[in-house]
Amino acid sequence: MEEKKIIKQKNQTLLLENREKLCVTGVIDVESFNDQIIIAVTELGILIVRGAELHINKLCLESNELIIEGDIYSLEYNDGETAKSKSFFGKMFK
């Protein structure tokens, strides 16, 4: 008997309004944050948001939603590598 794999398609939405408000769906967790960088674990990889005066306005892990406000400079995906793996030893033994 053949085993069938059911692949659940992962969806994610990023909505950036005037570089001041970012709404993200598909968020699993927030790994770390401060007023200049927010690192979120999403269904499609690690999302790194950089800016100034950043703050998390809403985080709902039940609905997988994150809302960030502040001066947003960049959005970057980093597949598989977390901030912890980029430590001194993480870079050294890459």
PDB file of N, CA and C in Angstrom:
ATOM      1  N   MET A   1       0.835  -1.169   0.000  1.00  0.00           N
ATOM      2  CA  MET A   1       0.000   0.000   0.000  1.00  0.00           C
ATOM      3  C   MET A   1       0.889   1.244   0.000  1.00  0.00           C
ATOM      4  N   GLU A   2       0.620   2.163  -0.902  1.00  0.00           N
ATOM      5  CA  GLU A   2       1.413   3.382  -0.994  1.00  0.00           C
ATOM      6  C   GLU A   2       0.995   4.369   0.082  1.00  0.00           C
ATOM      7  N   GLU A   3       1.991   5.015   0.615  1.00  0.00           N
ATOM      8  CA  GLU A   3       1.728   6.022   1.629  1.00  0.00           C
ATOM      9  C   GLU A   3       1.637   7.377   0.942  1.00  0.00           C
ATOM     10  N   LYS A   4       0.556   8.077   1.164  1.00  0.00           N
ATOM     11  CA  LYS A   4       0.359   9.384   0.544  1.00  0.00           C
ATOM     12  C   LYS A   4       0.729  10.471   1.538  1.00  0.00           C
ATOM     13  N   LYS A   5       1.491  11.422   1.053  1.00  0.00           N
ATOM     14  CA  LYS A   5       1.868  12.552   1.884  1.00  0.00           C
ATOM     15  C   LYS A   5       0.925  13.708   1.591  1.00  0.00           C
ATOM     16  N   ILE A   6       0.390  14.249   2.634  1.00  0.00           N
ATOM     17  CA  ILE A   6      -0.451  15.429   2.490  1.00  0.00           C
ATOM     18  C   ILE A   6       0.397  16.622   2.903  1.00  0.00           C
ATOM     19  N   ILE A   7       0.624  17.490   1.953  1.00  0.00           N
ATOM     20  CA  ILE A   7       1.448  18.662   2.206  1.00  0.00           C
ATOM     21  C   ILE A   7       0.526  19.858   2.403  1.00  0.00           C
ATOM     22  N   LYS A   8       0.600  20.422   3.579  1.00  0.00           N
ATOM     23  CA  LYS A   8      -0.203  21.603   3.867  1.00  0.00           C
ATOM     24  C   LYS A   8       0.534  22.820   3.325  1.00  0.00           C
ATOM     25  N   GLN A   9      -0.140  23.555   2.466  1.00  0.00           N
ATOM     26  CA  GLN A   9       0.475  24.738   1.886  1.00  0.00           C
ATOM     27  C   GLN A   9       0.550  25.830   2.946  1.00  0.00           C
ATOM     28  N   LYS A  10       1.690  26.440   3.051  1.00  0.00           N
ATOM     29  CA  LYS A  10       1.897  27.486   4.036  1.00  0.00           C
ATOM     30  C   LYS A  10       1.649  28.834   3.374  1.00  0.00           C
ATOM     31  N   ASN A  11       0.839  29.634   4.007  1.00  0.00           N
ATOM     32  CA  ASN A  11       0.521  30.956   3.492  1.00  0.00           C
ATOM     33  C   ASN A  11       1.019  32.007   4.460  1.00  0.00           C
ATOM     34  N   GLN A  12       1.451  33.115   3.888  1.00  0.00           N
ATOM     35  CA  GLN A  12       1.900  34.218   4.714  1.00  0.00           C
ATOM     36  C   GLN A  12       1.611  35.515   3.989  1.00  0.00           C
ATOM     37  N   THR A  13       1.221  36.506   4.766  1.00  0.00           N
ATOM     38  CA  THR A  13       0.954  37.828   4.216  1.00  0.00           C
ATOM     39  C   THR A  13       1.768  38.846   4.989  1.00  0.00           C
ATOM     40  N   LEU A  14       2.392  39.762   4.242  1.00  0.00           N
ATOM     41  CA  LEU A  14       3.070  40.899   4.844  1.00  0.00           C
ATOM     42  C   LEU A  14       2.438  42.147   4.243  1.00  0.00           C
ATOM     43  N   LEU A  15       1.927  43.023   5.089  1.00  0.00           N
ATOM     44  CA  LEU A  15       1.309  44.259   4.636  1.00  0.00           C
ATOM     45  C   LEU A  15       2.032  45.412   5.308  1.00  0.00           C
ATOM     46  N   LEU A  16       2.731  46.203   4.501  1.00  0.00           N
ATOM     47  CA  LEU A  16       3.499  47.331   5.017  1.00  0.00           C
ATOM     48  C   LEU A  16       2.778  48.617   4.644  1.00  0.00           C
ATOM     49  N   GLU A  17       2.440  49.417   5.648  1.00  0.00           N
ATOM     50  CA  GLU A  17       1.729  50.670   5.433  1.00  0.00           C
ATOM     51  C   GLU A  17       2.653  51.844   5.725  1.00  0.00           C
ATOM     52  N   ASN A  18       2.996  52.595   4.677  1.00  0.00           N
ATOM     53  CA  ASN A  18       3.789  53.826   4.793  1.00  0.00           C
ATOM     54  C   ASN A  18       5.100  53.650   5.563  1.00  0.00           C
ATOM     55  N   ARG A  19       5.656  52.450   5.519  1.00  0.00           N
ATOM     56  CA  ARG A  19       6.901  52.126   6.221  1.00  0.00           C
ATOM     57  C   ARG A  19       6.820  52.393   7.716  1.00  0.00           C
ATOM     58  N   GLU A  20       5.580  52.437   8.260  1.00  0.00           N
ATOM     59  CA  GLU A  20       5.387  52.708   9.677  1.00  0.00           C
ATOM     60  C   GLU A  20       4.636  51.598  10.407  1.00  0.00           C
ATOM     61  N   LYS A  21       3.935  50.755   9.662  1.00  0.00           N
ATOM     62  CA  LYS A  21       3.148  49.691  10.288  1.00  0.00           C
ATOM     63  C   LYS A  21       3.249  48.446   9.426  1.00  0.00           C
ATOM     64  N   LEU A  22       3.606  47.323  10.051  1.00  0.00           N
ATOM     65  CA  LEU A  22       3.748  46.051   9.351  1.00  0.00           C
ATOM     66  C   LEU A  22       2.834  45.023  10.000  1.00  0.00           C
ATOM     67  N   CYS A  23       1.960  44.427   9.179  1.00  0.00           N
ATOM     68  CA  CYS A  23       1.087  43.349   9.635  1.00  0.00           C
ATOM     69  C   CYS A  23       1.579  42.056   8.992  1.00  0.00           C
ATOM     70  N   VAL A  24       1.853  41.054   9.809  1.00  0.00           N
ATOM     71  CA  VAL A  24       2.394  39.784   9.326  1.00  0.00           C
ATOM     72  C   VAL A  24       1.497  38.651   9.805  1.00  0.00           C
ATOM     73  N   THR A  25       1.144  37.737   8.895  1.00  0.00           N
ATOM     74  CA  THR A  25       0.436  36.519   9.282  1.00  0.00           C
ATOM     75  C   THR A  25       1.393  35.344   9.109  1.00  0.00           C
ATOM     76  N   GLY A  26       1.062  34.222   9.714  1.00  0.00           N
ATOM     77  CA  GLY A  26       1.915  33.042   9.629  1.00  0.00           C
ATOM     78  C   GLY A  26       3.046  33.060  10.636  1.00  0.00           C
ATOM     79  N   VAL A  27       2.899  33.850  11.697  1.00  0.00           N
ATOM     80  CA  VAL A  27       3.941  33.972  12.718  1.00  0.00           C
ATOM     81  C   VAL A  27       3.775  32.861  13.754  1.00  0.00           C
ATOM     82  N   ILE A  28       4.862  32.154  14.001  1.00  0.00           N
ATOM     83  CA  ILE A  28       4.866  31.070  14.985  1.00  0.00           C
ATOM     84  C   ILE A  28       5.339  31.574  16.350  1.00  0.00           C
ATOM     85  N   ASP A  29       6.358  32.442  16.344  1.00  0.00           N
ATOM     86  CA  ASP A  29       6.928  32.945  17.593  1.00  0.00           C
ATOM     87  C   ASP A  29       7.771  34.174  17.291  1.00  0.00           C
ATOM     88  N   VAL A  30       8.056  34.964  18.312  1.00  0.00           N
ATOM     89  CA  VAL A  30       9.014  36.066  18.210  1.00  0.00           C
ATOM     90  C   VAL A  30      10.227  35.648  19.016  1.00  0.00           C
ATOM     91  N   GLU A  31      11.353  35.510  18.315  1.00  0.00           N
ATOM     92  CA  GLU A  31      12.575  35.017  18.956  1.00  0.00           C
ATOM     93  C   GLU A  31      13.234  36.087  19.815  1.00  0.00           C
ATOM     94  N   SER A  32      13.333  37.302  19.292  1.00  0.00           N
ATOM     95  CA  SER A  32      13.904  38.400  20.065  1.00  0.00           C
ATOM     96  C   SER A  32      13.458  39.719  19.454  1.00  0.00           C
ATOM     97  N   PHE A  33      13.542  40.770  20.268  1.00  0.00           N
ATOM     98  CA  PHE A  33      13.169  42.085  19.761  1.00  0.00           C
ATOM     99  C   PHE A  33      13.771  43.174  20.634  1.00  0.00           C
ATOM    100  N   ASN A  34      14.005  44.307  20.008  1.00  0.00           N
ATOM    101  CA  ASN A  34      14.327  45.545  20.701  1.00  0.00           C
ATOM    102  C   ASN A  34      13.830  46.678  19.807  1.00  0.00           C
ATOM    103  N   ASP A  35      14.231  47.904  20.070  1.00  0.00           N
ATOM    104  CA  ASP A  35      13.680  49.013  19.295  1.00  0.00           C
ATOM    105  C   ASP A  35      14.309  49.164  17.910  1.00  0.00           C
ATOM    106  N   GLN A  36      15.304  48.326  17.567  1.00  0.00           N
ATOM    107  CA  GLN A  36      15.947  48.409  16.257  1.00  0.00           C
ATOM    108  C   GLN A  36      15.796  47.150  15.411  1.00  0.00           C
ATOM    109  N   ILE A  37      15.465  46.020  16.021  1.00  0.00           N
ATOM    110  CA  ILE A  37      15.353  44.764  15.270  1.00  0.00           C
ATOM    111  C   ILE A  37      14.325  43.842  15.940  1.00  0.00           C
ATOM    112  N   ILE A  38      13.528  43.194  15.106  1.00  0.00           N
ATOM    113  CA  ILE A  38      12.579  42.189  15.583  1.00  0.00           C
ATOM    114  C   ILE A  38      12.807  40.930  14.760  1.00  0.00           C
ATOM    115  N   ILE A  39      13.017  39.804  15.430  1.00  0.00           N
ATOM    116  CA  ILE A  39      13.245  38.528  14.755  1.00  0.00           C
ATOM    117  C   ILE A  39      12.060  37.623  15.061  1.00  0.00           C
ATOM    118  N   ALA A  40      11.316  37.288  14.004  1.00  0.00           N
ATOM    119  CA  ALA A  40      10.114  36.469  14.153  1.00  0.00           C
ATOM    120  C   ALA A  40      10.287  35.149  13.416  1.00  0.00           C
ATOM    121  N   VAL A  41       9.836  34.076  14.039  1.00  0.00           N
ATOM    122  CA  VAL A  41       9.824  32.758  13.408  1.00  0.00           C
ATOM    123  C   VAL A  41       8.476  32.626  12.709  1.00  0.00           C
ATOM    124  N   THR A  42       8.513  32.424  11.382  1.00  0.00           N
ATOM    125  CA  THR A  42       7.278  32.313  10.616  1.00  0.00           C
ATOM    126  C   THR A  42       7.215  30.952   9.935  1.00  0.00           C
ATOM    127  N   GLU A  43       6.079  30.676   9.343  1.00  0.00           N
ATOM    128  CA  GLU A  43       5.898  29.409   8.631  1.00  0.00           C
ATOM    129  C   GLU A  43       6.802  29.306   7.407  1.00  0.00           C
ATOM    130  N   LEU A  44       7.288  30.436   6.911  1.00  0.00           N
ATOM    131  CA  LEU A  44       8.133  30.432   5.715  1.00  0.00           C
ATOM    132  C   LEU A  44       9.585  30.775   6.004  1.00  0.00           C
ATOM    133  N   GLY A  45       9.977  30.810   7.262  1.00  0.00           N
ATOM    134  CA  GLY A  45      11.365  31.088   7.618  1.00  0.00           C
ATOM    135  C   GLY A  45      11.460  32.179   8.669  1.00  0.00           C
ATOM    136  N   ILE A  46      12.688  32.539   8.989  1.00  0.00           N
ATOM    137  CA  ILE A  46      12.951  33.582   9.971  1.00  0.00           C
ATOM    138  C   ILE A  46      12.794  34.935   9.281  1.00  0.00           C
ATOM    139  N   LEU A  47      11.962  35.810   9.854  1.00  0.00           N
ATOM    140  CA  LEU A  47      11.756  37.154   9.319  1.00  0.00           C
ATOM    141  C   LEU A  47      12.453  38.145  10.235  1.00  0.00           C
ATOM    142  N   ILE A  48      13.342  38.951   9.645  1.00  0.00           N
ATOM    143  CA  ILE A  48      14.082  39.957  10.394  1.00  0.00           C
ATOM    144  C   ILE A  48      13.595  41.325   9.938  1.00  0.00           C
ATOM    145  N   VAL A  49      13.086  42.099  10.885  1.00  0.00           N
ATOM    146  CA  VAL A  49      12.596  43.448  10.603  1.00  0.00           C
ATOM    147  C   VAL A  49      13.557  44.420  11.269  1.00  0.00           C
ATOM    148  N   ARG A  50      14.100  45.347  10.477  1.00  0.00           N
ATOM    149  CA  ARG A  50      15.041  46.339  11.013  1.00  0.00           C
ATOM    150  C   ARG A  50      14.432  47.726  10.888  1.00  0.00           C
ATOM    151  N   GLY A  51      14.762  48.579  11.851  1.00  0.00           N
ATOM    152  CA  GLY A  51      14.235  49.933  11.815  1.00  0.00           C
ATOM    153  C   GLY A  51      14.629  50.706  13.053  1.00  0.00           C
ATOM    154  N   ALA A  52      13.830  51.719  13.363  1.00  0.00           N
ATOM    155  CA  ALA A  52      14.058  52.557  14.536  1.00  0.00           C
ATOM    156  C   ALA A  52      12.742  52.711  15.279  1.00  0.00           C
ATOM    157  N   GLU A  53      12.837  52.791  16.594  1.00  0.00           N
ATOM    158  CA  GLU A  53      11.662  52.944  17.446  1.00  0.00           C
ATOM    159  C   GLU A  53      10.612  51.869  17.171  1.00  0.00           C
ATOM    160  N   LEU A  54      11.073  50.642  16.908  1.00  0.00           N
ATOM    161  CA  LEU A  54      10.156  49.532  16.633  1.00  0.00           C
ATOM    162  C   LEU A  54       9.521  49.044  17.927  1.00  0.00           C
ATOM    163  N   HIS A  55       8.249  48.714  17.843  1.00  0.00           N
ATOM    164  CA  HIS A  55       7.579  48.070  18.969  1.00  0.00           C
ATOM    165  C   HIS A  55       6.493  47.143  18.441  1.00  0.00           C
ATOM    166  N   ILE A  56       6.241  46.110  19.209  1.00  0.00           N
ATOM    167  CA  ILE A  56       5.216  45.135  18.844  1.00  0.00           C
ATOM    168  C   ILE A  56       3.890  45.647  19.386  1.00  0.00           C
ATOM    169  N   ASN A  57       2.999  45.962  18.459  1.00  0.00           N
ATOM    170  CA  ASN A  57       1.684  46.465  18.840  1.00  0.00           C
ATOM    171  C   ASN A  57       0.731  45.321  19.168  1.00  0.00           C
ATOM    172  N   LYS A  58       0.887  44.198  18.441  1.00  0.00           N
ATOM    173  CA  LYS A  58       0.019  43.042  18.677  1.00  0.00           C
ATOM    174  C   LYS A  58       0.776  41.770  18.324  1.00  0.00           C
ATOM    175  N   LEU A  59       0.673  40.773  19.190  1.00  0.00           N
ATOM    176  CA  LEU A  59       1.199  39.442  18.914  1.00  0.00           C
ATOM    177  C   LEU A  59       0.153  38.448  19.384  1.00  0.00           C
ATOM    178  N   CYS A  60      -0.435  37.728  18.442  1.00  0.00           N
ATOM    179  CA  CYS A  60      -1.441  36.720  18.764  1.00  0.00           C
ATOM    180  C   CYS A  60      -1.002  35.410  18.124  1.00  0.00           C
ATOM    181  N   LEU A  61      -0.466  34.509  18.944  1.00  0.00           N
ATOM    182  CA  LEU A  61       0.032  33.242  18.420  1.00  0.00           C
ATOM    183  C   LEU A  61      -1.100  32.280  18.088  1.00  0.00           C
ATOM    184  N   GLU A  62      -2.288  32.517  18.631  1.00  0.00           N
ATOM    185  CA  GLU A  62      -3.436  31.676  18.285  1.00  0.00           C
ATOM    186  C   GLU A  62      -3.865  31.896  16.839  1.00  0.00           C
ATOM    187  N   SER A  63      -3.816  33.161  16.391  1.00  0.00           N
ATOM    188  CA  SER A  63      -4.170  33.476  15.001  1.00  0.00           C
ATOM    189  C   SER A  63      -2.930  33.697  14.139  1.00  0.00           C
ATOM    190  N   ASN A  64      -1.742  33.497  14.719  1.00  0.00           N
ATOM    191  CA  ASN A  64      -0.458  33.641  14.013  1.00  0.00           C
ATOM    192  C   ASN A  64      -0.294  35.028  13.401  1.00  0.00           C
ATOM    193  N   GLU A  65      -0.624  36.061  14.169  1.00  0.00           N
ATOM    194  CA  GLU A  65      -0.592  37.428  13.662  1.00  0.00           C
ATOM    195  C   GLU A  65       0.353  38.292  14.487  1.00  0.00           C
ATOM    196  N   LEU A  66       1.092  39.161  13.791  1.00  0.00           N
ATOM    197  CA  LEU A  66       2.026  40.085  14.424  1.00  0.00           C
ATOM    198  C   LEU A  66       1.855  41.454  13.785  1.00  0.00           C
ATOM    199  N   ILE A  67       1.768  42.494  14.613  1.00  0.00           N
ATOM    200  CA  ILE A  67       1.705  43.863  14.108  1.00  0.00           C
ATOM    201  C   ILE A  67       2.842  44.643  14.751  1.00  0.00           C
ATOM    202  N   ILE A  68       3.667  45.244  13.891  1.00  0.00           N
ATOM    203  CA  ILE A  68       4.832  46.012  14.321  1.00  0.00           C
ATOM    204  C   ILE A  68       4.630  47.452  13.883  1.00  0.00           C
ATOM    205  N   GLU A  69       4.969  48.395  14.769  1.00  0.00           N
ATOM    206  CA  GLU A  69       4.915  49.807  14.418  1.00  0.00           C
ATOM    207  C   GLU A  69       6.259  50.451  14.715  1.00  0.00           C
ATOM    208  N   GLY A  70       6.586  51.489  13.953  1.00  0.00           N
ATOM    209  CA  GLY A  70       7.842  52.208  14.084  1.00  0.00           C
ATOM    210  C   GLY A  70       8.339  52.601  12.706  1.00  0.00           C
ATOM    211  N   ASP A  71       9.574  53.060  12.624  1.00  0.00           N
ATOM    212  CA  ASP A  71      10.188  53.401  11.338  1.00  0.00           C
ATOM    213  C   ASP A  71      10.844  52.141  10.786  1.00  0.00           C
ATOM    214  N   ILE A  72      10.226  51.533   9.774  1.00  0.00           N
ATOM    215  CA  ILE A  72      10.695  50.254   9.238  1.00  0.00           C
ATOM    216  C   ILE A  72      11.635  50.511   8.072  1.00  0.00           C
ATOM    217  N   TYR A  73      12.874  49.985   8.185  1.00  0.00           N
ATOM    218  CA  TYR A  73      13.893  50.181   7.162  1.00  0.00           C
ATOM    219  C   TYR A  73      14.019  48.990   6.226  1.00  0.00           C
ATOM    220  N   SER A  74      13.925  47.764   6.761  1.00  0.00           N
ATOM    221  CA  SER A  74      14.112  46.598   5.898  1.00  0.00           C
ATOM    222  C   SER A  74      13.404  45.373   6.457  1.00  0.00           C
ATOM    223  N   LEU A  75      13.076  44.463   5.524  1.00  0.00           N
ATOM    224  CA  LEU A  75      12.504  43.155   5.838  1.00  0.00           C
ATOM    225  C   LEU A  75      13.410  42.129   5.190  1.00  0.00           C
ATOM    226  N   GLU A  76      13.779  41.100   5.927  1.00  0.00           N
ATOM    227  CA  GLU A  76      14.715  40.100   5.404  1.00  0.00           C
ATOM    228  C   GLU A  76      14.299  38.716   5.886  1.00  0.00           C
ATOM    229  N   TYR A  77      14.326  37.762   4.961  1.00  0.00           N
ATOM    230  CA  TYR A  77      14.086  36.365   5.332  1.00  0.00           C
ATOM    231  C   TYR A  77      15.418  35.656   5.461  1.00  0.00           C
ATOM    232  N   ASN A  78      15.518  34.811   6.474  1.00  0.00           N
ATOM    233  CA  ASN A  78      16.715  34.026   6.706  1.00  0.00           C
ATOM    234  C   ASN A  78      16.251  32.593   6.927  1.00  0.00           C
ATOM    235  N   ASP A  79      16.396  31.756   5.928  1.00  0.00           N
ATOM    236  CA  ASP A  79      15.879  30.393   5.997  1.00  0.00           C
ATOM    237  C   ASP A  79      16.714  29.521   6.918  1.00  0.00           C
ATOM    238  N   GLY A  80      16.103  29.097   8.013  1.00  0.00           N
ATOM    239  CA  GLY A  80      16.711  28.090   8.870  1.00  0.00           C
ATOM    240  C   GLY A  80      17.669  28.579   9.919  1.00  0.00           C
ATOM    241  N   GLU A  81      18.305  29.719   9.745  1.00  0.00           N
ATOM    242  CA  GLU A  81      19.275  30.182  10.728  1.00  0.00           C
ATOM    243  C   GLU A  81      18.609  31.164  11.671  1.00  0.00           C
ATOM    244  N   THR A  82      18.734  30.910  12.950  1.00  0.00           N
ATOM    245  CA  THR A  82      18.187  31.824  13.945  1.00  0.00           C
ATOM    246  C   THR A  82      19.286  32.749  14.430  1.00  0.00           C
ATOM    247  N   ALA A  83      18.914  33.723  15.191  1.00  0.00           N
ATOM    248  CA  ALA A  83      19.896  34.663  15.730  1.00  0.00           C
ATOM    249  C   ALA A  83      20.882  33.942  16.639  1.00  0.00           C
ATOM    250  N   LYS A  84      20.420  32.921  17.345  1.00  0.00           N
ATOM    251  CA  LYS A  84      21.297  32.183  18.247  1.00  0.00           C
ATOM    252  C   LYS A  84      22.390  31.444  17.481  1.00  0.00           C
ATOM    253  N   SER A  85      22.078  30.962  16.272  1.00  0.00           N
ATOM    254  CA  SER A  85      23.086  30.232  15.507  1.00  0.00           C
ATOM    255  C   SER A  85      24.105  31.175  14.885  1.00  0.00           C
ATOM    256  N   LYS A  86      23.853  32.477  14.958  1.00  0.00           N
ATOM    257  CA  LYS A  86      24.795  33.447  14.419  1.00  0.00           C
ATOM    258  C   LYS A  86      25.702  34.008  15.510  1.00  0.00           C
ATOM    259  N   SER A  87      25.810  33.307  16.610  1.00  0.00           N
ATOM    260  CA  SER A  87      26.698  33.725  17.673  1.00  0.00           C
ATOM    261  C   SER A  87      28.145  33.579  17.196  1.00  0.00           C
ATOM    262  N   PHE A  88      29.067  33.928  18.053  1.00  0.00           N
ATOM    263  CA  PHE A  88      30.482  33.834  17.710  1.00  0.00           C
ATOM    264  C   PHE A  88      30.843  32.430  17.247  1.00  0.00           C
ATOM    265  N   PHE A  89      30.434  31.419  18.017  1.00  0.00           N
ATOM    266  CA  PHE A  89      30.753  30.044  17.655  1.00  0.00           C
ATOM    267  C   PHE A  89      29.953  29.584  16.446  1.00  0.00           C
ATOM    268  N   GLY A  90      28.728  30.100  16.292  1.00  0.00           N
ATOM    269  CA  GLY A  90      27.920  29.753  15.126  1.00  0.00           C
ATOM    270  C   GLY A  90      28.579  30.209  13.836  1.00  0.00           C
ATOM    271  N   LYS A  91      29.189  31.397  13.873  1.00  0.00           N
ATOM    272  CA  LYS A  91      29.889  31.911  12.692  1.00  0.00           C
ATOM    273  C   LYS A  91      31.209  31.171  12.476  1.00  0.00           C
ATOM    274  N   MET A  92      31.878  30.843  13.579  1.00  0.00           N
ATOM    275  CA  MET A  92      33.190  30.211  13.505  1.00  0.00           C
ATOM    276  C   MET A  92      33.118  28.799  12.927  1.00  0.00           C
ATOM    277  N   PHE A  93      32.078  28.052  13.264  1.00  0.00           N
ATOM    278  CA  PHE A  93      31.964  26.671  12.818  1.00  0.00           C
ATOM    279  C   PHE A  93      30.964  26.499  11.696  1.00  0.00           C
ATOM    280  N   LYS A  94      30.775  27.512  10.921  1.00  0.00           N
ATOM    281  CA  LYS A  94      29.828  27.492   9.807  1.00  0.00           C
ATOM    282  C   LYS A  94      30.234  26.516   8.746  1.00  0.00           C
TER     283      LYS A  94
END
